[in-house]
């Protein structure tokens, strides 16, 4: 697949493909494929001098070598200032992040702007601020559907009088955690069923990864961070990453999917312990995944271990991170609609 991007109805720009984990020093935009999504980023030169207020729309086209044609998968999608939600705040002079969900399709648009004043929690992008970053996270299943011109038909409820749980079992969930260019972690969970104790009359919850020693996943090197580069500056924003989630029912039909950028906020107080004769600082951070349009809420908890020994040989060694919990909830009205019942 070959991607091109256009902002404000300007001429399309070709995107340069990269492999996950490999940087690209060239000035062209970049496209990086992950197992269930693709990350697109506009070149810094294309954002030079562009203010938030001047960002009106974005379009993306995809070309297929096999099909010998191209398809517009995002057609002049409007980007009104009032639709942005805050991802991560910063101090004056830094880069703060905002995102907007693309529906249908489950993707999202991420922008970074240079903060001209002290940030306000829950604020909106200031129209006069200059853009430092424009990134699109798109779900591959939605792209393939559009390229193959498969119509989006509504879900047809399958009534099952034999099943008292209305089919809320044997679900499959696939989740990945990545930066713009690096895959950090992925997990495929099969045959999971709703958790009655964690559910109530407002939502149904699936515990994909239980926060217990027996359900621990192997740690991975690195920690969530987002890189950005403008025409003159570059930097890293800590505790920010993109989460991709795909969920299928027991018949293999897609229930929900997303590709969205989140901030990992501190969940509990730091813990100091001694492991293998090294003092380590253990911190837990939680990311919240929320899709208000489709009634889905998820929580991902990450445990990070930092080496603090004074005689540590490699001061540049990355932290170890470990996913210790992930759960996903669907609002009752979403479930009722899925099974064709009145809420």
Protein backbone atom coordinates (compact mmCIF):
# COMPACT_ATOMS: atom_id res chain seq x y z
CA UNK A 1 0.00 0.00 0.00
CA UNK A 2 1.19 3.52 -0.86
CA UNK A 3 -0.09 6.50 1.12
CA UNK A 4 -0.48 10.17 0.25
CA UNK A 5 -1.69 12.98 2.50
CA UNK A 6 -3.17 16.43 1.92
CA UNK A 7 -4.03 19.19 4.38
CA UNK A 8 -6.43 22.04 3.65
CA UNK A 9 -7.16 20.64 0.19
CA UNK A 10 -3.58 21.19 -0.95
CA UNK A 11 -1.73 18.90 -3.36
CA UNK A 12 -1.20 15.35 -2.08
CA UNK A 13 2.26 14.51 -0.71
CA UNK A 14 3.76 11.04 -1.03
CA UNK A 15 4.59 9.27 2.21
CA UNK A 16 7.87 7.43 2.69
CA UNK A 17 7.47 3.98 4.22
CA UNK A 18 9.60 2.97 7.18
CA UNK A 19 10.06 -0.28 9.06
CA UNK A 20 9.10 -0.20 12.76
CA UNK A 21 12.15 0.60 14.88
CA UNK A 22 14.08 2.35 12.08
CA UNK A 23 14.32 6.10 11.95
CA UNK A 24 14.15 8.20 8.82
CA UNK A 25 16.38 11.26 8.69
CA UNK A 26 14.90 12.46 5.42
CA UNK A 27 12.46 15.34 5.41
CA UNK A 28 9.60 13.51 3.69
CA UNK A 29 6.51 12.36 5.59
CA UNK A 30 6.63 8.81 6.95
CA UNK A 31 4.31 5.82 7.13
CA UNK A 32 4.97 2.94 9.53
CA UNK A 33 2.96 -0.29 9.58
CA UNK A 34 2.09 -2.13 12.77
CA UNK A 35 0.18 -5.42 13.18
CA UNK A 36 -3.28 -3.81 13.16
CA UNK A 37 -2.69 -0.15 12.28
CA UNK A 38 -0.62 2.29 10.28
CA UNK A 39 0.93 5.52 11.59
CA UNK A 40 1.22 8.49 9.22
CA UNK A 41 3.18 11.63 9.99
CA UNK A 42 3.49 14.84 8.02
CA UNK A 43 6.96 16.22 7.32
CA UNK A 44 8.12 19.08 9.59
CA UNK A 45 8.67 21.33 6.56
CA UNK A 46 4.97 21.06 5.70
CA UNK A 47 4.01 22.39 9.15
CA UNK A 48 6.49 25.27 9.29
CA UNK A 49 4.65 28.45 10.29
CA UNK A 50 1.23 26.74 10.30
CA UNK A 51 -1.06 27.74 13.17
CA UNK A 52 -3.72 25.56 14.78
CA UNK A 53 -6.44 27.84 13.43
CA UNK A 54 -5.15 27.29 9.90
CA UNK A 55 -5.57 23.51 10.06
CA UNK A 56 -9.00 22.97 8.55
CA UNK A 57 -9.07 19.51 6.94
CA UNK A 58 -7.05 16.43 6.07
CA UNK A 59 -7.31 13.88 3.26
CA UNK A 60 -5.55 10.54 2.81
CA UNK A 61 -5.41 8.39 -0.29
CA UNK A 62 -4.13 4.82 -0.53
CA UNK A 63 -2.76 3.22 -3.67
CA UNK A 64 -2.54 -0.52 -4.21
CA UNK A 65 0.16 -1.94 -6.45
CA UNK A 66 -1.78 -5.15 -6.86
CA UNK A 67 -5.06 -3.45 -7.79
CA UNK A 68 -3.31 -0.69 -9.79
CA UNK A 69 -5.53 2.05 -8.44
CA UNK A 70 -5.84 4.46 -5.53
CA UNK A 71 -8.71 5.16 -3.14
CA UNK A 72 -9.37 8.18 -0.93
CA UNK A 73 -9.85 6.74 2.57
CA UNK A 74 -10.20 10.12 4.29
CA UNK A 75 -11.93 12.68 2.12
CA UNK A 76 -11.39 16.25 3.30
CA UNK A 77 -12.21 15.42 6.93
CA UNK A 78 -12.88 18.59 8.87
CA UNK A 79 -10.72 19.37 11.91
CA UNK A 80 -12.66 21.97 13.94
CA UNK A 81 -10.85 23.33 16.99
CA UNK A 82 -13.71 22.42 19.33
CA UNK A 83 -13.43 18.68 18.59
CA UNK A 84 -9.91 18.23 19.96
CA UNK A 85 -9.41 16.46 23.29
CA UNK A 86 -6.35 16.97 25.47
CA UNK A 87 -3.84 14.10 25.58
CA UNK A 88 -0.96 15.65 27.54
CA UNK A 89 -0.32 19.08 29.00
CA UNK A 90 3.03 20.87 29.23
CA UNK A 91 4.66 24.00 30.53
CA UNK A 92 4.94 27.18 28.52
CA UNK A 93 7.31 26.70 25.59
CA UNK A 94 6.80 22.94 25.39
CA UNK A 95 4.69 20.82 23.07
CA UNK A 96 1.23 19.82 24.22
CA UNK A 97 -0.82 17.11 22.52
CA UNK A 98 -4.45 16.92 21.38
CA UNK A 99 -6.35 14.23 19.48
CA UNK A 100 -9.59 13.76 17.60
CA UNK A 101 -11.31 10.42 16.96
CA UNK A 102 -12.15 9.47 13.38
CA UNK A 103 -15.52 7.73 13.17
CA UNK A 104 -16.34 5.38 11.64
CA UNK A 105 -13.11 3.45 11.30
CA UNK A 106 -11.62 3.72 14.81
CA UNK A 107 -8.62 5.87 13.85
CA UNK A 108 -7.51 9.20 15.27
CA UNK A 109 -5.67 12.41 14.43
CA UNK A 110 -2.95 13.69 16.77
CA UNK A 111 -1.54 17.21 16.79
CA UNK A 112 1.15 18.88 18.86
CA UNK A 113 1.32 22.63 19.35
CA UNK A 114 3.94 24.90 20.89
CA UNK A 115 2.37 26.22 24.09
CA UNK A 116 2.51 30.01 24.28
CA UNK A 117 1.08 30.21 27.79
CA UNK A 118 0.63 28.04 30.86
CA UNK A 119 -1.50 25.03 30.02
CA UNK A 120 -4.92 24.51 31.49
CA UNK A 121 -6.11 20.99 32.20
CA UNK A 122 -8.94 20.09 29.87
CA UNK A 123 -8.28 23.12 27.64
CA UNK A 124 -8.45 23.33 23.88
CA UNK A 125 -5.68 24.18 21.39
CA UNK A 126 -5.04 27.88 21.18
CA UNK A 127 -5.76 29.04 17.60
CA UNK A 128 -2.58 31.13 17.37
CA UNK A 129 -0.22 28.37 18.53
CA UNK A 130 2.15 26.91 15.94
CA UNK A 131 1.91 23.24 15.01
CA UNK A 132 4.82 20.97 15.91
CA UNK A 133 3.28 17.62 14.95
CA UNK A 134 0.53 16.11 12.81
CA UNK A 135 0.05 12.33 13.01
CA UNK A 136 -2.72 10.02 11.87
CA UNK A 137 -3.34 6.58 13.39
CA UNK A 138 -5.51 4.42 11.11
CA UNK A 139 -6.85 0.88 11.57
CA UNK A 140 -5.72 -1.46 8.81
CA UNK A 141 -9.03 -3.33 8.62
CA UNK A 142 -10.83 -0.09 7.81
CA UNK A 143 -8.24 0.80 5.16
CA UNK A 144 -8.47 -2.63 3.51
CA UNK A 145 -12.25 -2.43 3.51
CA UNK A 146 -12.14 0.92 1.75
CA UNK A 147 -9.48 -0.14 -0.75
CA UNK A 148 -11.47 -3.26 -1.67
CA UNK A 149 -14.66 -1.18 -1.69
CA UNK A 150 -16.44 -3.49 0.73
CA UNK A 151 -19.66 -1.77 1.86
CA UNK A 152 -20.05 -1.10 5.58
CA UNK A 153 -23.18 -3.06 6.40
CA UNK A 154 -24.82 -2.82 9.82
CA UNK A 155 -24.40 -5.69 12.25
CA UNK A 156 -27.18 -8.25 12.02
CA UNK A 157 -28.09 -9.51 15.51
CA UNK A 158 -28.05 -13.28 15.94
CA UNK A 159 -30.62 -14.33 18.50
CA UNK A 160 -29.57 -17.23 20.68
CA UNK A 161 -32.26 -18.40 23.11
CA UNK A 162 -30.01 -21.21 24.32
CA UNK A 163 -27.32 -18.83 25.55
CA UNK A 164 -28.39 -17.01 28.76
CA UNK A 165 -25.28 -14.79 28.59
CA UNK A 166 -26.26 -13.41 25.17
CA UNK A 167 -22.99 -14.50 23.61
CA UNK A 168 -20.71 -12.52 25.94
CA UNK A 169 -18.11 -15.28 25.99
CA UNK A 170 -15.32 -16.65 23.77
CA UNK A 171 -14.40 -13.14 22.67
CA UNK A 172 -10.99 -12.35 21.16
CA UNK A 173 -8.99 -9.20 21.89
CA UNK A 174 -5.75 -8.11 20.25
CA UNK A 175 -3.85 -5.16 21.70
CA UNK A 176 -0.57 -3.48 20.73
CA UNK A 177 1.42 -0.66 22.30
CA UNK A 178 3.77 1.37 20.11
CA UNK A 179 5.36 4.72 19.43
CA UNK A 180 5.29 6.27 15.97
CA UNK A 181 8.16 4.06 14.82
CA UNK A 182 8.61 1.27 17.37
CA UNK A 183 6.45 -1.65 18.44
CA UNK A 184 6.78 -2.01 22.21
CA UNK A 185 4.39 -4.83 23.11
CA UNK A 186 1.49 -6.89 21.78
CA UNK A 187 -0.89 -9.50 23.15
CA UNK A 188 -3.60 -11.76 21.73
CA UNK A 189 -6.24 -13.01 24.18
CA UNK A 190 -8.68 -15.73 23.11
CA UNK A 191 -11.85 -17.13 24.65
CA UNK A 192 -12.33 -14.38 27.21
CA UNK A 193 -15.75 -13.84 28.74
CA UNK A 194 -17.42 -10.98 30.51
CA UNK A 195 -16.66 -10.50 34.19
CA UNK A 196 -19.89 -10.48 36.18
CA UNK A 197 -18.26 -9.06 39.32
CA UNK A 198 -16.77 -6.10 37.42
CA UNK A 199 -19.95 -5.39 35.43
CA UNK A 200 -23.10 -3.55 36.48
CA UNK A 201 -26.33 -2.22 34.97
CA UNK A 202 -24.46 0.49 33.05
CA UNK A 203 -21.65 -1.53 31.45
CA UNK A 204 -20.28 -4.98 30.68
CA UNK A 205 -16.57 -5.57 31.41
CA UNK A 206 -14.04 -8.03 30.03
CA UNK A 207 -10.80 -8.49 32.02
CA UNK A 208 -8.25 -9.22 29.30
CA UNK A 209 -5.19 -9.22 31.59
CA UNK A 210 -5.75 -9.78 35.32
CA UNK A 211 -3.58 -7.82 37.77
CA UNK A 212 -2.16 -10.85 39.52
CA UNK A 213 1.25 -12.60 39.67
CA UNK A 214 -0.06 -15.63 37.77
CA UNK A 215 -1.14 -13.46 34.82
CA UNK A 216 2.10 -11.46 34.52
CA UNK A 217 3.43 -10.82 31.04
CA UNK A 218 7.17 -10.71 30.23
CA UNK A 219 8.64 -7.20 30.53
CA UNK A 220 9.87 -5.32 27.49
CA UNK A 221 12.68 -2.84 27.01
CA UNK A 222 11.77 0.82 26.85
CA UNK A 223 8.90 2.97 28.04
CA UNK A 224 6.16 5.02 26.36
CA UNK A 225 7.48 8.18 24.76
CA UNK A 226 6.57 10.21 21.69
CA UNK A 227 9.17 11.83 19.48
CA UNK A 228 8.51 15.04 17.58
CA UNK A 229 10.55 17.14 15.18
CA UNK A 230 9.85 20.58 13.78
CA UNK A 231 11.88 22.51 11.23
CA UNK A 232 14.11 23.88 14.02
CA UNK A 233 13.60 21.74 17.13
CA UNK A 234 13.02 18.15 18.22
CA UNK A 235 12.27 16.35 21.44
CA UNK A 236 10.66 13.46 23.32
CA UNK A 237 7.39 13.60 25.24
CA UNK A 238 7.45 11.00 28.05
CA UNK A 239 4.58 8.71 29.07
CA UNK A 240 2.78 8.92 25.70
CA UNK A 241 2.18 6.05 23.27
CA UNK A 242 -0.37 4.74 20.77
CA UNK A 243 -2.65 1.85 21.74
CA UNK A 244 -4.36 -0.32 19.12
CA UNK A 245 -7.23 -2.56 20.22
CA UNK A 246 -9.32 -4.97 18.14
CA UNK A 247 -12.23 -6.95 19.62
CA UNK A 248 -14.18 -9.79 17.96
CA UNK A 249 -17.18 -11.77 19.20
CA UNK A 250 -17.42 -15.55 19.37
CA UNK A 251 -18.34 -15.70 15.67
CA UNK A 252 -15.31 -13.67 14.61
CA UNK A 253 -17.25 -10.49 13.82
CA UNK A 254 -15.55 -7.21 14.69
CA UNK A 255 -17.22 -5.58 17.70
CA UNK A 256 -14.88 -2.63 18.15
CA UNK A 257 -11.44 -1.38 17.16
CA UNK A 258 -9.34 1.70 17.72
CA UNK A 259 -5.92 3.23 17.18
CA UNK A 260 -5.48 6.12 19.58
CA UNK A 261 -2.71 8.01 21.39
CA UNK A 262 -2.90 8.06 25.20
CA UNK A 263 -1.00 9.39 28.19
CA UNK A 264 0.13 7.03 30.96
CA UNK A 265 -0.64 8.88 34.18
CA UNK A 266 0.67 7.91 37.61
CA UNK A 267 -1.63 5.28 39.09
CA UNK A 268 -0.10 4.51 42.49
CA UNK A 269 2.76 5.79 44.64
CA UNK A 270 6.30 4.74 43.64
CA UNK A 271 7.59 1.54 45.20
CA UNK A 272 11.28 1.01 46.04
CA UNK A 273 12.59 -2.52 46.25
CA UNK A 274 15.75 -4.58 45.99
CA UNK A 275 15.98 -7.03 43.12
CA UNK A 276 19.11 -9.03 42.30
CA UNK A 277 21.20 -6.78 44.59
CA UNK A 278 20.14 -3.65 42.68
CA UNK A 279 17.89 -0.92 44.01
CA UNK A 280 15.06 -0.33 41.62
CA UNK A 281 12.31 2.23 41.45
CA UNK A 282 8.95 0.68 40.52
CA UNK A 283 6.21 2.92 39.17
CA UNK A 284 2.75 2.15 37.89
CA UNK A 285 1.06 4.26 35.24
CA UNK A 286 -2.45 3.96 33.85
CA UNK A 287 -3.78 4.90 30.42
CA UNK A 288 -7.46 5.52 29.77
CA UNK A 289 -8.95 4.58 26.37
CA UNK A 290 -12.34 6.17 25.82
CA UNK A 291 -14.62 6.11 22.78
CA UNK A 292 -17.67 8.20 23.65
CA UNK A 293 -19.28 7.74 20.24
CA UNK A 294 -19.36 3.96 20.48
CA UNK A 295 -19.63 3.61 24.26
CA UNK A 296 -16.31 1.87 25.02
CA UNK A 297 -13.92 2.41 27.93
CA UNK A 298 -10.60 0.67 28.57
CA UNK A 299 -7.88 0.85 31.22
CA UNK A 300 -4.28 -0.25 30.62
CA UNK A 301 -1.85 -0.35 33.56
CA UNK A 302 1.88 -0.36 32.93
CA UNK A 303 4.56 -1.11 35.50
CA UNK A 304 7.98 0.47 34.96
CA UNK A 305 11.21 -0.52 36.70
CA UNK A 306 14.17 1.90 36.77
CA UNK A 307 17.68 0.92 37.85
CA UNK A 308 18.94 3.38 40.47
CA UNK A 309 22.17 1.69 41.56
CA UNK A 310 25.05 4.16 41.79
CA UNK A 311 27.50 1.70 40.23
CA UNK A 312 25.26 0.92 37.25
CA UNK A 313 27.51 0.35 34.26
CA UNK A 314 25.22 1.59 31.50
CA UNK A 315 23.63 4.92 32.40
CA UNK A 316 21.82 5.00 29.06
CA UNK A 317 20.09 1.66 29.57
CA UNK A 318 16.34 1.83 29.01
CA UNK A 319 13.81 1.08 31.72
CA UNK A 320 11.97 -2.22 31.76
CA UNK A 321 8.20 -1.97 31.33
CA UNK A 322 5.51 -4.56 31.94
CA UNK A 323 1.79 -4.55 31.21
CA UNK A 324 0.10 -5.78 34.41
CA UNK A 325 -3.58 -5.14 33.69
CA UNK A 326 -5.98 -4.43 30.85
CA UNK A 327 -9.76 -4.38 30.90
CA UNK A 328 -12.35 -3.14 28.45
CA UNK A 329 -15.99 -2.16 29.09
CA UNK A 330 -18.92 -1.64 26.73
CA UNK A 331 -21.87 0.45 27.77
CA UNK A 332 -25.13 -1.43 28.22
CA UNK A 333 -26.76 0.47 25.35
CA UNK A 334 -23.93 -0.65 23.05
CA UNK A 335 -24.46 -4.28 24.05
CA UNK A 336 -28.22 -4.02 23.63
CA UNK A 337 -27.81 -2.52 20.17
CA UNK A 338 -25.39 -5.29 19.26
CA UNK A 339 -28.00 -7.91 20.11
CA UNK A 340 -30.86 -5.99 18.56
CA UNK A 341 -32.67 -5.21 21.80
CA UNK A 342 -34.19 -1.96 23.01
CA UNK A 343 -32.03 -0.25 25.62
